[in-house]
């Protein structure tokens, strides 16, 4: 069974994340979508909220597991989950350089785990959680943000973040 881990902060999940998950399910027998929790970062949504948003945004599938890990190297988590692959997305040249370095470090730590890169299609290539959060606030933000996130995420953003910012 070919198992991959696709990890990220998913704060919030975006349509780009969903695209990666769909492709991952096409490529692997089992996909673990893992929310990484870095104690040095500040998050908009709690781990529980991000887990729920992913679960609400992705159709149920027995080959898909949604989980989280805390303050650990991704490659160590992948090894613990008996994954042979790490799935990563590359949107920009900066992403490529970062992921290239991490791929080599991960190979040093766990040579039997292969990092697989995917490049999203152009219409969602620039979508990131940080970009989404940066779009919230100005008048009409809802129409802009709605196109880049799944409906459950948009509803949570509107209720949580949107309520805290002037519209």
Protein backbone atom coordinates (compact mmCIF):
# COMPACT_ATOMS: atom_id res chain seq x y z
CA UNK A 1 0.00 0.00 0.00
CA UNK A 2 1.46 3.34 -1.07
CA UNK A 3 0.94 5.87 1.74
CA UNK A 4 1.67 9.58 1.56
CA UNK A 5 1.51 12.43 4.07
CA UNK A 6 0.37 15.83 2.86
CA UNK A 7 1.04 18.34 5.63
CA UNK A 8 0.44 22.03 6.13
CA UNK A 9 -0.98 24.56 8.54
CA UNK A 10 -4.33 24.65 6.70
CA UNK A 11 -5.07 27.97 8.43
CA UNK A 12 -7.48 28.12 6.65
CA UNK A 13 -7.87 25.30 4.12
CA UNK A 14 -8.06 26.61 0.55
CA UNK A 15 -9.17 25.30 -2.84
CA UNK A 16 -5.47 24.80 -3.55
CA UNK A 17 -5.26 22.41 -0.60
CA UNK A 18 -8.33 20.55 -1.87
CA UNK A 19 -6.73 20.22 -5.31
CA UNK A 20 -3.62 18.71 -3.72
CA UNK A 21 -5.73 16.29 -1.67
CA UNK A 22 -7.70 15.17 -4.73
CA UNK A 23 -4.49 14.57 -6.71
CA UNK A 24 -2.95 12.78 -3.72
CA UNK A 25 -5.89 10.41 -3.55
CA UNK A 26 -5.45 9.69 -7.27
CA UNK A 27 -1.74 8.92 -6.81
CA UNK A 28 -1.62 7.02 -3.51
CA UNK A 29 -3.52 4.17 -1.88
CA UNK A 30 -3.71 6.07 1.39
CA UNK A 31 -3.35 9.79 2.06
CA UNK A 32 -2.82 11.32 5.48
CA UNK A 33 -3.63 15.03 5.55
CA UNK A 34 -1.75 16.26 8.60
CA UNK A 35 -2.09 19.64 10.22
CA UNK A 36 1.31 20.71 11.47
CA UNK A 37 1.32 22.77 14.63
CA UNK A 38 4.39 24.95 15.03
CA UNK A 39 4.51 26.50 18.53
CA UNK A 40 6.34 29.56 17.20
CA UNK A 41 3.45 30.46 14.85
CA UNK A 42 0.22 32.26 15.57
CA UNK A 43 -2.92 30.76 14.04
CA UNK A 44 -6.35 32.15 13.19
CA UNK A 45 -8.12 28.83 13.78
CA UNK A 46 -7.49 26.24 16.48
CA UNK A 47 -6.35 22.71 15.62
CA UNK A 48 -9.89 21.46 16.33
CA UNK A 49 -11.37 24.09 14.00
CA UNK A 50 -8.89 23.29 11.21
CA UNK A 51 -9.61 19.56 11.55
CA UNK A 52 -13.34 20.26 11.35
CA UNK A 53 -12.95 22.61 8.37
CA UNK A 54 -10.97 19.97 6.46
CA UNK A 55 -13.49 17.26 7.34
CA UNK A 56 -16.39 19.49 6.28
CA UNK A 57 -14.64 20.44 3.01
CA UNK A 58 -13.54 17.00 1.81
CA UNK A 59 -15.90 14.18 0.87
CA UNK A 60 -15.48 11.21 3.18
CA UNK A 61 -13.11 8.55 1.88
CA UNK A 62 -11.83 5.44 3.63
CA UNK A 63 -8.38 5.98 2.10
CA UNK A 64 -8.12 9.48 3.62
CA UNK A 65 -7.09 10.29 7.18
CA UNK A 66 -7.13 13.80 8.61
CA UNK A 67 -4.85 14.22 11.62
CA UNK A 68 -2.40 16.60 13.26
CA UNK A 69 1.10 16.56 14.68
CA UNK A 70 2.79 18.95 17.07
CA UNK A 71 6.32 20.37 17.17
CA UNK A 72 7.90 17.59 15.08
CA UNK A 73 9.70 17.22 11.82
CA UNK A 74 7.33 16.20 9.05
CA UNK A 75 9.65 13.38 8.00
CA UNK A 76 9.55 11.92 11.53
CA UNK A 77 5.75 12.04 11.49
CA UNK A 78 5.69 10.37 8.06
CA UNK A 79 8.00 7.63 9.32
CA UNK A 80 5.77 7.08 12.38
CA UNK A 81 2.74 6.78 10.08
CA UNK A 82 4.58 4.23 7.89
CA UNK A 83 4.32 6.56 4.90
CA UNK A 84 6.68 6.05 1.99
CA UNK A 85 5.93 9.46 0.49
CA UNK A 86 5.62 13.10 1.46
CA UNK A 87 3.39 15.12 -0.86
CA UNK A 88 4.25 18.80 -1.31
CA UNK A 89 2.89 21.57 -3.51
CA UNK A 90 5.03 24.07 -5.38
CA UNK A 91 3.44 27.36 -6.44
CA UNK A 92 6.41 29.67 -6.86
CA UNK A 93 10.17 29.70 -7.33
CA UNK A 94 10.49 30.49 -3.61
CA UNK A 95 8.41 27.40 -2.79
CA UNK A 96 10.66 25.34 -5.07
CA UNK A 97 13.86 26.48 -3.38
CA UNK A 98 12.49 25.86 0.10
CA UNK A 99 11.02 22.46 -0.82
CA UNK A 100 14.19 21.42 -2.65
CA UNK A 101 16.26 22.01 0.48
CA UNK A 102 13.71 20.26 2.71
CA UNK A 103 13.57 17.29 0.33
CA UNK A 104 17.33 16.79 0.71
CA UNK A 105 17.24 17.19 4.49
CA UNK A 106 14.33 14.75 4.73
CA UNK A 107 16.25 12.27 2.55
CA UNK A 108 19.20 12.55 4.94
CA UNK A 109 16.92 11.78 7.88
CA UNK A 110 14.81 9.08 6.19
CA UNK A 111 16.23 7.90 2.83
CA UNK A 112 13.32 5.48 2.30
CA UNK A 113 10.74 8.33 2.20
CA UNK A 114 10.32 9.99 -1.19
CA UNK A 115 9.13 13.56 -1.53
CA UNK A 116 6.71 14.06 -4.41
CA UNK A 117 6.01 17.55 -5.76
CA UNK A 118 2.88 18.76 -7.52
CA UNK A 119 2.31 22.09 -9.21
CA UNK A 120 -1.30 23.31 -9.07
CA UNK A 121 -3.09 24.66 -12.13
CA UNK A 122 -2.77 28.34 -12.92
CA UNK A 123 -6.19 29.39 -11.60
CA UNK A 124 -5.23 28.38 -8.05
CA UNK A 125 -1.43 28.57 -8.24
CA UNK A 126 -1.22 31.74 -6.14
CA UNK A 127 -3.75 30.68 -3.51
CA UNK A 128 -2.32 30.33 -0.01
CA UNK A 129 -3.74 30.56 3.48
CA UNK A 130 -1.73 33.73 4.08
CA UNK A 131 -3.09 35.30 0.89
CA UNK A 132 -6.65 34.47 1.94
CA UNK A 133 -6.18 36.10 5.35
CA UNK A 134 -4.63 39.14 3.69
CA UNK A 135 -7.67 39.63 1.46
CA UNK A 136 -10.10 39.87 4.36
CA UNK A 137 -11.18 43.30 5.49
CA UNK A 138 -11.78 45.75 2.65
CA UNK A 139 -15.32 46.33 1.43
CA UNK A 140 -16.40 43.42 -0.77
CA UNK A 141 -13.80 41.00 0.57
CA UNK A 142 -16.41 38.25 0.72
CA UNK A 143 -16.84 38.10 -3.08
CA UNK A 144 -13.09 37.87 -3.57
CA UNK A 145 -12.35 35.30 -0.86
CA UNK A 146 -15.36 33.08 -1.64
CA UNK A 147 -13.79 31.94 -4.94
CA UNK A 148 -10.61 30.63 -3.27
CA UNK A 149 -11.95 28.59 -0.34
CA UNK A 150 -14.49 25.79 0.16
CA UNK A 151 -17.92 26.86 1.43
CA UNK A 152 -17.43 25.65 5.04
CA UNK A 153 -14.20 27.63 5.23
CA UNK A 154 -15.80 30.75 3.83
CA UNK A 155 -18.61 30.50 6.38
CA UNK A 156 -16.07 30.13 9.21
CA UNK A 157 -14.02 33.08 7.93
CA UNK A 158 -17.08 35.26 7.65
CA UNK A 159 -18.20 34.33 11.18
CA UNK A 160 -14.79 34.46 12.84
CA UNK A 161 -12.37 36.74 11.06
CA UNK A 162 -14.84 38.86 9.15
CA UNK A 163 -16.82 39.74 12.26
CA UNK A 164 -13.65 41.03 13.92
CA UNK A 165 -12.70 43.35 11.04
CA UNK A 166 -14.56 46.34 9.67
CA UNK A 167 -16.39 45.54 6.45
